């Protein structure tokens, strides 16, 4: 798993661990696709102030490239 500079920055800002990202990728509550990017959304209970974690990534051959990750702030997620 490779991380973009933006993803690393957001991980520090929002206190997101690598295991949080892996959990979202392996067992997402919801997934979507935008062109070549895949979006995984996972709720972690009380973590991230009760907001779900969004992970945007691309699969390149046998490698996963994390584009960005952050807690969703909108209440549109169900």
PDB file of N, CA and C in Angstrom:
ATOM      1  N   UNK A   1       0.850  -1.166   0.000  1.00  0.00           N
ATOM      2  CA  UNK A   1       0.000   0.000   0.000  1.00  0.00           C
ATOM      3  C   UNK A   1       0.902   1.238   0.000  1.00  0.00           C
ATOM      4  N   UNK A   2       0.665   2.110  -0.977  1.00  0.00           N
ATOM      5  CA  UNK A   2       1.407   3.359  -1.064  1.00  0.00           C
ATOM      6  C   UNK A   2       0.472   4.509  -0.734  1.00  0.00           C
ATOM      7  N   UNK A   3       0.999   5.542  -0.126  1.00  0.00           N
ATOM      8  CA  UNK A   3       0.214   6.697   0.269  1.00  0.00           C
ATOM      9  C   UNK A   3       0.698   7.945  -0.463  1.00  0.00           C
ATOM     10  N   UNK A   4      -0.236   8.749  -0.933  1.00  0.00           N
ATOM     11  CA  UNK A   4       0.137  10.030  -1.528  1.00  0.00           C
ATOM     12  C   UNK A   4       0.543  10.989  -0.416  1.00  0.00           C
ATOM     13  N   UNK A   5       1.189  12.067  -0.777  1.00  0.00           N
ATOM     14  CA  UNK A   5       1.577  13.075   0.202  1.00  0.00           C
ATOM     15  C   UNK A   5       0.329  13.680   0.850  1.00  0.00           C
ATOM     16  N   UNK A   6      -0.717  13.855   0.051  1.00  0.00           N
ATOM     17  CA  UNK A   6      -1.980  14.390   0.553  1.00  0.00           C
ATOM     18  C   UNK A   6      -2.599  13.449   1.598  1.00  0.00           C
ATOM     19  N   UNK A   7      -2.582  12.154   1.321  1.00  0.00           N
ATOM     20  CA  UNK A   7      -3.123  11.174   2.266  1.00  0.00           C
ATOM     21  C   UNK A   7      -2.322  11.186   3.569  1.00  0.00           C
ATOM     22  N   UNK A   8      -1.001  11.250   3.480  1.00  0.00           N
ATOM     23  CA  UNK A   8      -0.164  11.290   4.687  1.00  0.00           C
ATOM     24  C   UNK A   8      -0.457  12.539   5.513  1.00  0.00           C
ATOM     25  N   UNK A   9      -0.638  13.654   4.829  1.00  0.00           N
ATOM     26  CA  UNK A   9      -0.949  14.904   5.510  1.00  0.00           C
ATOM     27  C   UNK A   9      -2.290  14.808   6.244  1.00  0.00           C
ATOM     28  N   UNK A  10      -3.304  14.246   5.575  1.00  0.00           N
ATOM     29  CA  UNK A  10      -4.617  14.089   6.205  1.00  0.00           C
ATOM     30  C   UNK A  10      -4.579  13.101   7.357  1.00  0.00           C
ATOM     31  N   UNK A  11      -3.740  12.085   7.258  1.00  0.00           N
ATOM     32  CA  UNK A  11      -3.619  11.117   8.344  1.00  0.00           C
ATOM     33  C   UNK A  11      -3.119  11.813   9.616  1.00  0.00           C
ATOM     34  N   UNK A  12      -2.145  12.709   9.470  1.00  0.00           N
ATOM     35  CA  UNK A  12      -1.635  13.452  10.621  1.00  0.00           C
ATOM     36  C   UNK A  12      -2.694  14.416  11.142  1.00  0.00           C
ATOM     37  N   UNK A  13      -3.341  15.114  10.233  1.00  0.00           N
ATOM     38  CA  UNK A  13      -4.323  16.132  10.609  1.00  0.00           C
ATOM     39  C   UNK A  13      -5.503  15.549  11.366  1.00  0.00           C
ATOM     40  N   UNK A  14      -6.027  14.413  10.884  1.00  0.00           N
ATOM     41  CA  UNK A  14      -7.230  13.820  11.469  1.00  0.00           C
ATOM     42  C   UNK A  14      -6.951  12.620  12.377  1.00  0.00           C
ATOM     43  N   UNK A  15      -5.678  12.334  12.648  1.00  0.00           N
ATOM     44  CA  UNK A  15      -5.274  11.217  13.511  1.00  0.00           C
ATOM     45  C   UNK A  15      -5.817   9.886  12.981  1.00  0.00           C
ATOM     46  N   UNK A  16      -5.573   9.629  11.702  1.00  0.00           N
ATOM     47  CA  UNK A  16      -6.002   8.388  11.047  1.00  0.00           C
ATOM     48  C   UNK A  16      -4.796   7.453  11.008  1.00  0.00           C
ATOM     49  N   UNK A  17      -4.985   6.223  11.442  1.00  0.00           N
ATOM     50  CA  UNK A  17      -3.878   5.263  11.435  1.00  0.00           C
ATOM     51  C   UNK A  17      -3.930   4.403  10.169  1.00  0.00           C
ATOM     52  N   UNK A  18      -2.836   3.743   9.909  1.00  0.00           N
ATOM     53  CA  UNK A  18      -2.777   2.820   8.780  1.00  0.00           C
ATOM     54  C   UNK A  18      -3.763   1.679   8.946  1.00  0.00           C
ATOM     55  N   UNK A  19      -3.974   1.239  10.187  1.00  0.00           N
ATOM     56  CA  UNK A  19      -4.925   0.152  10.427  1.00  0.00           C
ATOM     57  C   UNK A  19      -6.365   0.611  10.176  1.00  0.00           C
ATOM     58  N   UNK A  20      -6.651   1.909  10.392  1.00  0.00           N
ATOM     59  CA  UNK A  20      -7.979   2.443  10.057  1.00  0.00           C
ATOM     60  C   UNK A  20      -8.223   2.346   8.545  1.00  0.00           C
ATOM     61  N   UNK A  21      -7.214   2.695   7.780  1.00  0.00           N
ATOM     62  CA  UNK A  21      -7.327   2.640   6.319  1.00  0.00           C
ATOM     63  C   UNK A  21      -7.506   1.199   5.861  1.00  0.00           C
ATOM     64  N   UNK A  22      -6.719   0.290   6.405  1.00  0.00           N
ATOM     65  CA  UNK A  22      -6.817  -1.119   6.024  1.00  0.00           C
ATOM     66  C   UNK A  22      -8.193  -1.671   6.369  1.00  0.00           C
ATOM     67  N   UNK A  23      -8.717  -1.305   7.547  1.00  0.00           N
ATOM     68  CA  UNK A  23     -10.058  -1.766   7.940  1.00  0.00           C
ATOM     69  C   UNK A  23     -11.116  -1.251   6.970  1.00  0.00           C
ATOM     70  N   UNK A  24     -10.974   0.002   6.529  1.00  0.00           N
ATOM     71  CA  UNK A  24     -11.941   0.574   5.583  1.00  0.00           C
ATOM     72  C   UNK A  24     -11.852  -0.114   4.223  1.00  0.00           C
ATOM     73  N   UNK A  25     -10.662  -0.514   3.827  1.00  0.00           N
ATOM     74  CA  UNK A  25     -10.495  -1.180   2.529  1.00  0.00           C
ATOM     75  C   UNK A  25     -11.015  -2.615   2.562  1.00  0.00           C
ATOM     76  N   UNK A  26     -10.793  -3.319   3.662  1.00  0.00           N
ATOM     77  CA  UNK A  26     -11.180  -4.726   3.748  1.00  0.00           C
ATOM     78  C   UNK A  26     -12.648  -4.947   4.081  1.00  0.00           C
ATOM     79  N   UNK A  27     -13.251  -4.029   4.839  1.00  0.00           N
ATOM     80  CA  UNK A  27     -14.650  -4.211   5.238  1.00  0.00           C
ATOM     81  C   UNK A  27     -15.400  -2.871   5.199  1.00  0.00           C
ATOM     82  N   UNK A  28     -15.551  -2.284   4.005  1.00  0.00           N
ATOM     83  CA  UNK A  28     -16.247  -0.991   3.939  1.00  0.00           C
ATOM     84  C   UNK A  28     -17.749  -1.148   4.155  1.00  0.00           C
ATOM     85  N   UNK A  29     -18.369  -0.098   4.688  1.00  0.00           N
ATOM     86  CA  UNK A  29     -19.825  -0.070   4.822  1.00  0.00           C
ATOM     87  C   UNK A  29     -20.468   0.284   3.483  1.00  0.00           C
ATOM     88  N   UNK A  30     -19.717   1.010   2.658  1.00  0.00           N
ATOM     89  CA  UNK A  30     -20.222   1.430   1.357  1.00  0.00           C
ATOM     90  C   UNK A  30     -19.040   1.631   0.406  1.00  0.00           C
ATOM     91  N   UNK A  31     -19.233   1.308  -0.864  1.00  0.00           N
ATOM     92  CA  UNK A  31     -18.199   1.568  -1.862  1.00  0.00           C
ATOM     93  C   UNK A  31     -18.828   2.246  -3.063  1.00  0.00           C
ATOM     94  N   UNK A  32     -17.994   2.986  -3.785  1.00  0.00           N
ATOM     95  CA  UNK A  32     -18.420   3.643  -5.015  1.00  0.00           C
ATOM     96  C   UNK A  32     -17.212   3.708  -5.940  1.00  0.00           C
ATOM     97  N   UNK A  33     -17.458   4.019  -7.190  1.00  0.00           N
ATOM     98  CA  UNK A  33     -16.384   4.093  -8.170  1.00  0.00           C
ATOM     99  C   UNK A  33     -16.529   5.382  -8.957  1.00  0.00           C
ATOM    100  N   UNK A  34     -15.417   6.090  -9.126  1.00  0.00           N
ATOM    101  CA  UNK A  34     -15.359   7.283  -9.961  1.00  0.00           C
ATOM    102  C   UNK A  34     -14.183   7.103 -10.909  1.00  0.00           C
ATOM    103  N   UNK A  35     -14.475   6.779 -12.149  1.00  0.00           N
ATOM    104  CA  UNK A  35     -13.456   6.505 -13.174  1.00  0.00           C
ATOM    105  C   UNK A  35     -12.511   5.414 -12.675  1.00  0.00           C
ATOM    106  N   UNK A  36     -11.256   5.740 -12.450  1.00  0.00           N
ATOM    107  CA  UNK A  36     -10.293   4.722 -12.019  1.00  0.00           C
ATOM    108  C   UNK A  36     -10.174   4.645 -10.496  1.00  0.00           C
ATOM    109  N   UNK A  37     -10.805   5.569  -9.798  1.00  0.00           N
ATOM    110  CA  UNK A  37     -10.695   5.618  -8.345  1.00  0.00           C
ATOM    111  C   UNK A  37     -11.843   4.859  -7.675  1.00  0.00           C
ATOM    112  N   UNK A  38     -11.536   4.239  -6.561  1.00  0.00           N
ATOM    113  CA  UNK A  38     -12.527   3.511  -5.769  1.00  0.00           C
ATOM    114  C   UNK A  38     -12.648   4.239  -4.426  1.00  0.00           C
ATOM    115  N   UNK A  39     -13.881   4.394  -3.967  1.00  0.00           N
ATOM    116  CA  UNK A  39     -14.142   5.073  -2.703  1.00  0.00           C
ATOM    117  C   UNK A  39     -14.688   4.059  -1.710  1.00  0.00           C
ATOM    118  N   UNK A  40     -14.051   3.977  -0.554  1.00  0.00           N
ATOM    119  CA  UNK A  40     -14.513   3.101   0.525  1.00  0.00           C
ATOM    120  C   UNK A  40     -14.888   3.976   1.709  1.00  0.00           C
ATOM    121  N   UNK A  41     -16.062   3.725   2.275  1.00  0.00           N
ATOM    122  CA  UNK A  41     -16.527   4.487   3.429  1.00  0.00           C
ATOM    123  C   UNK A  41     -16.826   3.507   4.557  1.00  0.00           C
ATOM    124  N   UNK A  42     -16.289   3.806   5.728  1.00  0.00           N
ATOM    125  CA  UNK A  42     -16.488   2.923   6.876  1.00  0.00           C
ATOM    126  C   UNK A  42     -16.711   3.760   8.131  1.00  0.00           C
ATOM    127  N   UNK A  43     -17.685   3.353   8.912  1.00  0.00           N
ATOM    128  CA  UNK A  43     -17.983   4.023  10.180  1.00  0.00           C
ATOM    129  C   UNK A  43     -17.230   3.299  11.298  1.00  0.00           C
ATOM    130  N   UNK A  44     -16.589   4.058  12.172  1.00  0.00           N
ATOM    131  CA  UNK A  44     -15.784   3.502  13.256  1.00  0.00           C
ATOM    132  C   UNK A  44     -16.374   3.800  14.627  1.00  0.00           C
ATOM    133  N   UNK A  45     -17.659   3.954  14.707  1.00  0.00           N
ATOM    134  CA  UNK A  45     -18.291   4.230  15.994  1.00  0.00           C
ATOM    135  C   UNK A  45     -17.982   5.628  16.478  1.00  0.00           C
ATOM    136  N   UNK A  46     -17.305   5.729  17.609  1.00  0.00           N
ATOM    137  CA  UNK A  46     -17.029   7.038  18.211  1.00  0.00           C
ATOM    138  C   UNK A  46     -15.794   7.713  17.648  1.00  0.00           C
ATOM    139  N   UNK A  47     -14.968   6.987  16.940  1.00  0.00           N
ATOM    140  CA  UNK A  47     -13.765   7.601  16.348  1.00  0.00           C
ATOM    141  C   UNK A  47     -14.165   8.654  15.332  1.00  0.00           C
ATOM    142  N   UNK A  48     -13.345   9.634  15.144  1.00  0.00           N
ATOM    143  CA  UNK A  48     -13.575  10.722  14.184  1.00  0.00           C
ATOM    144  C   UNK A  48     -14.886  11.446  14.484  1.00  0.00           C
ATOM    145  N   UNK A  49     -15.192  11.620  15.759  1.00  0.00           N
ATOM    146  CA  UNK A  49     -16.412  12.309  16.225  1.00  0.00           C
ATOM    147  C   UNK A  49     -17.676  11.665  15.679  1.00  0.00           C
ATOM    148  N   UNK A  50     -17.640  10.372  15.462  1.00  0.00           N
ATOM    149  CA  UNK A  50     -18.809   9.643  14.967  1.00  0.00           C
ATOM    150  C   UNK A  50     -19.012   9.744  13.472  1.00  0.00           C
ATOM    151  N   UNK A  51     -18.107  10.412  12.769  1.00  0.00           N
ATOM    152  CA  UNK A  51     -18.221  10.556  11.312  1.00  0.00           C
ATOM    153  C   UNK A  51     -17.553   9.379  10.618  1.00  0.00           C
ATOM    154  N   UNK A  52     -18.068   8.953   9.468  1.00  0.00           N
ATOM    155  CA  UNK A  52     -17.449   7.846   8.737  1.00  0.00           C
ATOM    156  C   UNK A  52     -16.143   8.283   8.073  1.00  0.00           C
ATOM    157  N   UNK A  53     -15.238   7.333   7.907  1.00  0.00           N
ATOM    158  CA  UNK A  53     -13.958   7.579   7.252  1.00  0.00           C
ATOM    159  C   UNK A  53     -14.093   7.284   5.763  1.00  0.00           C
ATOM    160  N   UNK A  54     -13.623   8.212   4.942  1.00  0.00           N
ATOM    161  CA  UNK A  54     -13.644   8.030   3.488  1.00  0.00           C
ATOM    162  C   UNK A  54     -12.219   7.801   3.019  1.00  0.00           C
ATOM    163  N   UNK A  55     -12.018   6.748   2.232  1.00  0.00           N
ATOM    164  CA  UNK A  55     -10.713   6.433   1.665  1.00  0.00           C
ATOM    165  C   UNK A  55     -10.871   6.350   0.151  1.00  0.00           C
ATOM    166  N   UNK A  56     -10.121   7.175  -0.565  1.00  0.00           N
ATOM    167  CA  UNK A  56     -10.143   7.167  -2.029  1.00  0.00           C
ATOM    168  C   UNK A  56      -8.833   6.526  -2.480  1.00  0.00           C
ATOM    169  N   UNK A  57      -8.945   5.483  -3.300  1.00  0.00           N
ATOM    170  CA  UNK A  57      -7.736   4.767  -3.719  1.00  0.00           C
ATOM    171  C   UNK A  57      -7.853   4.254  -5.150  1.00  0.00           C
ATOM    172  N   UNK A  58      -6.722   3.855  -5.692  1.00  0.00           N
ATOM    173  CA  UNK A  58      -6.639   3.249  -7.019  1.00  0.00           C
ATOM    174  C   UNK A  58      -5.906   1.925  -6.898  1.00  0.00           C
ATOM    175  N   UNK A  59      -6.357   0.949  -7.664  1.00  0.00           N
ATOM    176  CA  UNK A  59      -5.640  -0.323  -7.737  1.00  0.00           C
ATOM    177  C   UNK A  59      -4.804  -0.299  -8.997  1.00  0.00           C
ATOM    178  N   UNK A  60      -3.498  -0.452  -8.817  1.00  0.00           N
ATOM    179  CA  UNK A  60      -2.570  -0.488  -9.940  1.00  0.00           C
ATOM    180  C   UNK A  60      -1.839  -1.818  -9.873  1.00  0.00           C
ATOM    181  N   UNK A  61      -2.172  -2.702 -10.793  1.00  0.00           N
ATOM    182  CA  UNK A  61      -1.626  -4.057 -10.814  1.00  0.00           C
ATOM    183  C   UNK A  61      -1.873  -4.728  -9.468  1.00  0.00           C
ATOM    184  N   UNK A  62      -0.839  -5.025  -8.714  1.00  0.00           N
ATOM    185  CA  UNK A  62      -1.002  -5.687  -7.413  1.00  0.00           C
ATOM    186  C   UNK A  62      -0.832  -4.720  -6.249  1.00  0.00           C
ATOM    187  N   UNK A  63      -0.844  -3.426  -6.544  1.00  0.00           N
ATOM    188  CA  UNK A  63      -0.587  -2.444  -5.500  1.00  0.00           C
ATOM    189  C   UNK A  63      -1.788  -1.517  -5.332  1.00  0.00           C
ATOM    190  N   UNK A  64      -2.004  -1.063  -4.106  1.00  0.00           N
ATOM    191  CA  UNK A  64      -3.073  -0.119  -3.808  1.00  0.00           C
ATOM    192  C   UNK A  64      -2.420   1.227  -3.517  1.00  0.00           C
ATOM    193  N   UNK A  65      -2.894   2.274  -4.210  1.00  0.00           N
ATOM    194  CA  UNK A  65      -2.385   3.619  -4.026  1.00  0.00           C
ATOM    195  C   UNK A  65      -3.480   4.456  -3.378  1.00  0.00           C
ATOM    196  N   UNK A  66      -3.246   4.918  -2.153  1.00  0.00           N
ATOM    197  CA  UNK A  66      -4.213   5.721  -1.414  1.00  0.00           C
ATOM    198  C   UNK A  66      -4.058   7.176  -1.860  1.00  0.00           C
ATOM    199  N   UNK A  67      -5.106   7.709  -2.495  1.00  0.00           N
ATOM    200  CA  UNK A  67      -5.080   9.078  -2.993  1.00  0.00           C
ATOM    201  C   UNK A  67      -5.336  10.054  -1.851  1.00  0.00           C
ATOM    202  N   UNK A  68      -6.393   9.814  -1.069  1.00  0.00           N
ATOM    203  CA  UNK A  68      -6.715  10.666   0.066  1.00  0.00           C
ATOM    204  C   UNK A  68      -7.579   9.896   1.062  1.00  0.00           C
ATOM    205  N   UNK A  69      -7.636  10.408   2.258  1.00  0.00           N
ATOM    206  CA  UNK A  69      -8.478   9.830   3.295  1.00  0.00           C
ATOM    207  C   UNK A  69      -8.847  10.931   4.288  1.00  0.00           C
ATOM    208  N   UNK A  70     -10.087  10.922   4.728  1.00  0.00           N
ATOM    209  CA  UNK A  70     -10.547  11.933   5.677  1.00  0.00           C
ATOM    210  C   UNK A  70     -11.910  11.532   6.228  1.00  0.00           C
ATOM    211  N   UNK A  71     -12.281  12.059   7.408  1.00  0.00           N
ATOM    212  CA  UNK A  71     -13.624  11.811   7.930  1.00  0.00           C
ATOM    213  C   UNK A  71     -14.630  12.647   7.136  1.00  0.00           C
ATOM    214  N   UNK A  72     -15.737  12.039   6.748  1.00  0.00           N
ATOM    215  CA  UNK A  72     -16.774  12.768   6.031  1.00  0.00           C
ATOM    216  C   UNK A  72     -17.431  13.750   6.988  1.00  0.00           C
ATOM    217  N   UNK A  73     -17.590  14.975   6.555  1.00  0.00           N
ATOM    218  CA  UNK A  73     -18.192  15.973   7.432  1.00  0.00           C
ATOM    219  C   UNK A  73     -19.654  16.192   7.132  1.00  0.00           C
ATOM    220  N   UNK A  74     -20.083  15.779   5.963  1.00  0.00           N
ATOM    221  CA  UNK A  74     -21.477  15.971   5.592  1.00  0.00           C
ATOM    222  C   UNK A  74     -22.341  14.875   6.211  1.00  0.00           C
ATOM    223  N   UNK A  75     -23.543  15.211   6.568  1.00  0.00           N
ATOM    224  CA  UNK A  75     -24.459  14.246   7.153  1.00  0.00           C
ATOM    225  C   UNK A  75     -25.258  13.521   6.076  1.00  0.00           C
ATOM    226  N   UNK A  76     -24.841  13.612   4.816  1.00  0.00           N
ATOM    227  CA  UNK A  76     -25.541  12.959   3.728  1.00  0.00           C
ATOM    228  C   UNK A  76     -25.325  11.461   3.728  1.00  0.00           C
ATOM    229  N   UNK A  77     -24.249  11.013   4.391  1.00  0.00           N
ATOM    230  CA  UNK A  77     -23.939   9.589   4.409  1.00  0.00           C
ATOM    231  C   UNK A  77     -24.931   8.867   5.295  1.00  0.00           C
ATOM    232  N   UNK A  78     -25.369   7.695   4.883  1.00  0.00           N
ATOM    233  CA  UNK A  78     -26.323   6.929   5.684  1.00  0.00           C
ATOM    234  C   UNK A  78     -25.795   5.567   6.014  1.00  0.00           C
TER     235      UNK A  78
END
